[in-house]
Amino acid sequence: MSQQQELQRKVEQQSRRMLQAERERPTLLAQTVYIGTLGLIFVLPVVGGAYLGHWLDGLAAGYSFRWTLSLLLLGVMIGGLNVYLMIRE
């Protein structure tokens, strides 16, 4: 096979790859849904932890924010792990 034929084959192969990538590119709506889902899977554990901690602190006598702070931080860690695992897929 000559160099010219080899070059032509490589150019055609790259052209097919570029056309395929253009067809498979996600739409703006798909990207927006993906980002929204990432935000939701991060925020839900944080808010859930804050509400649960606030409720538990309300059961304790006196002023306390120990459960709220602890479960809020736990929610941030769980939310971050959720985002990491989703992006890794």
C-alpha atoms as a PDB file:
ATOM      1  CA  MET A   1       0.000   0.000   0.000  1.00  0.00           C
ATOM      2  CA  SER A   2       1.444   3.349  -0.981  1.00  0.00           C
ATOM      3  CA  GLN A   3       1.761   6.316   1.324  1.00  0.00           C
ATOM      4  CA  GLN A   4      -0.952   8.194  -0.547  1.00  0.00           C
ATOM      5  CA  GLN A   5      -3.439   5.344  -0.121  1.00  0.00           C
ATOM      6  CA  GLU A   6      -2.549   5.030   3.561  1.00  0.00           C
ATOM      7  CA  LEU A   7      -3.064   8.771   4.068  1.00  0.00           C
ATOM      8  CA  GLN A   8      -6.387   8.648   2.226  1.00  0.00           C
ATOM      9  CA  ARG A   9      -7.549   5.737   4.392  1.00  0.00           C
ATOM     10  CA  LYS A  10      -6.623   7.568   7.610  1.00  0.00           C
ATOM     11  CA  VAL A  11      -8.372  10.754   6.494  1.00  0.00           C
ATOM     12  CA  GLU A  12     -11.540   8.831   5.620  1.00  0.00           C
ATOM     13  CA  GLN A  13     -11.430   7.045   8.971  1.00  0.00           C
ATOM     14  CA  GLN A  14     -11.065  10.339  10.853  1.00  0.00           C
ATOM     15  CA  SER A  15     -13.884  11.846   8.799  1.00  0.00           C
ATOM     16  CA  ARG A  16     -16.212   8.985   9.746  1.00  0.00           C
ATOM     17  CA  ARG A  17     -15.282   9.390  13.414  1.00  0.00           C
ATOM     18  CA  MET A  18     -15.992  13.118  13.319  1.00  0.00           C
ATOM     19  CA  LEU A  19     -19.394  12.586  11.677  1.00  0.00           C
ATOM     20  CA  GLN A  20     -20.307   9.914  14.230  1.00  0.00           C
ATOM     21  CA  ALA A  21     -19.269  12.177  17.121  1.00  0.00           C
ATOM     22  CA  GLU A  22     -21.405  14.982  15.675  1.00  0.00           C
ATOM     23  CA  ARG A  23     -24.456  12.704  15.473  1.00  0.00           C
ATOM     24  CA  GLU A  24     -23.997  11.361  19.018  1.00  0.00           C
ATOM     25  CA  ARG A  25     -23.425  14.751  20.641  1.00  0.00           C
ATOM     26  CA  PRO A  26     -25.892  15.340  23.500  1.00  0.00           C
ATOM     27  CA  THR A  27     -28.471  18.078  23.001  1.00  0.00           C
ATOM     28  CA  LEU A  28     -28.766  21.155  25.177  1.00  0.00           C
ATOM     29  CA  LEU A  29     -31.834  19.689  26.857  1.00  0.00           C
ATOM     30  CA  ALA A  30     -29.993  16.451  27.678  1.00  0.00           C
ATOM     31  CA  GLN A  31     -27.072  18.393  29.150  1.00  0.00           C
ATOM     32  CA  THR A  32     -29.431  20.551  31.209  1.00  0.00           C
ATOM     33  CA  VAL A  33     -31.225  17.499  32.592  1.00  0.00           C
ATOM     34  CA  TYR A  34     -27.878  15.898  33.474  1.00  0.00           C
ATOM     35  CA  ILE A  35     -26.659  18.988  35.366  1.00  0.00           C
ATOM     36  CA  GLY A  36     -30.019  19.292  37.128  1.00  0.00           C
ATOM     37  CA  THR A  37     -29.846  15.671  38.196  1.00  0.00           C
ATOM     38  CA  LEU A  38     -26.330  16.180  39.554  1.00  0.00           C
ATOM     39  CA  GLY A  39     -27.545  19.148  41.580  1.00  0.00           C
ATOM     40  CA  LEU A  40     -30.530  17.238  42.900  1.00  0.00           C
ATOM     41  CA  ILE A  41     -28.555  14.191  44.010  1.00  0.00           C
ATOM     42  CA  PHE A  42     -26.186  16.524  45.863  1.00  0.00           C
ATOM     43  CA  VAL A  43     -28.773  18.774  47.508  1.00  0.00           C
ATOM     44  CA  LEU A  44     -31.287  16.156  48.677  1.00  0.00           C
ATOM     45  CA  PRO A  45     -28.977  14.438  51.227  1.00  0.00           C
ATOM     46  CA  VAL A  46     -27.807  17.839  52.523  1.00  0.00           C
ATOM     47  CA  VAL A  47     -31.331  19.162  53.047  1.00  0.00           C
ATOM     48  CA  GLY A  48     -32.521  15.828  54.450  1.00  0.00           C
ATOM     49  CA  GLY A  49     -29.647  15.760  56.922  1.00  0.00           C
ATOM     50  CA  ALA A  50     -30.306  19.345  58.008  1.00  0.00           C
ATOM     51  CA  TYR A  51     -34.017  18.712  58.589  1.00  0.00           C
ATOM     52  CA  LEU A  52     -33.429  15.441  60.432  1.00  0.00           C
ATOM     53  CA  GLY A  53     -30.733  17.049  62.585  1.00  0.00           C
ATOM     54  CA  HIS A  54     -32.952  20.021  63.379  1.00  0.00           C
ATOM     55  CA  TRP A  55     -35.764  17.666  64.416  1.00  0.00           C
ATOM     56  CA  LEU A  56     -33.408  15.644  66.643  1.00  0.00           C
ATOM     57  CA  ASP A  57     -32.031  18.820  68.218  1.00  0.00           C
ATOM     58  CA  GLY A  58     -35.598  19.927  68.962  1.00  0.00           C
ATOM     59  CA  LEU A  59     -36.098  16.766  71.012  1.00  0.00           C
ATOM     60  CA  ALA A  60     -33.108  17.605  73.232  1.00  0.00           C
ATOM     61  CA  ALA A  61     -33.482  19.894  76.232  1.00  0.00           C
ATOM     62  CA  GLY A  62     -31.955  23.349  75.857  1.00  0.00           C
ATOM     63  CA  TYR A  63     -30.348  24.908  72.795  1.00  0.00           C
ATOM     64  CA  SER A  64     -28.383  22.439  70.719  1.00  0.00           C
ATOM     65  CA  PHE A  65     -27.211  22.320  67.143  1.00  0.00           C
ATOM     66  CA  ARG A  66     -24.986  19.275  67.419  1.00  0.00           C
ATOM     67  CA  TRP A  67     -27.229  16.906  65.407  1.00  0.00           C
ATOM     68  CA  THR A  68     -28.010  19.549  62.809  1.00  0.00           C
ATOM     69  CA  LEU A  69     -24.348  20.265  62.138  1.00  0.00           C
ATOM     70  CA  SER A  70     -23.337  16.601  62.199  1.00  0.00           C
ATOM     71  CA  LEU A  71     -26.071  15.437  59.829  1.00  0.00           C
ATOM     72  CA  LEU A  72     -25.553  18.457  57.573  1.00  0.00           C
ATOM     73  CA  LEU A  73     -21.888  17.526  57.136  1.00  0.00           C
ATOM     74  CA  LEU A  74     -22.838  13.883  56.623  1.00  0.00           C
ATOM     75  CA  GLY A  75     -25.303  15.012  53.938  1.00  0.00           C
ATOM     76  CA  VAL A  76     -22.555  16.995  52.173  1.00  0.00           C
ATOM     77  CA  MET A  77     -20.299  13.936  52.163  1.00  0.00           C
ATOM     78  CA  ILE A  78     -23.060  11.632  50.895  1.00  0.00           C
ATOM     79  CA  GLY A  79     -24.091  14.172  48.250  1.00  0.00           C
ATOM     80  CA  GLY A  80     -20.496  14.534  47.075  1.00  0.00           C
ATOM     81  CA  LEU A  81     -20.150  10.757  46.869  1.00  0.00           C
ATOM     82  CA  ASN A  82     -23.394  10.549  44.872  1.00  0.00           C
ATOM     83  CA  VAL A  83     -22.135  13.139  42.381  1.00  0.00           C
ATOM     84  CA  TYR A  84     -18.769  11.395  42.079  1.00  0.00           C
ATOM     85  CA  LEU A  85     -20.383   8.030  41.421  1.00  0.00           C
ATOM     86  CA  MET A  86     -22.776   9.473  38.834  1.00  0.00           C
ATOM     87  CA  ILE A  87     -20.021  11.298  36.965  1.00  0.00           C
ATOM     88  CA  ARG A  88     -17.843   8.193  37.020  1.00  0.00           C
ATOM     89  CA  GLU A  89     -20.563   6.248  35.157  1.00  0.00           C
END
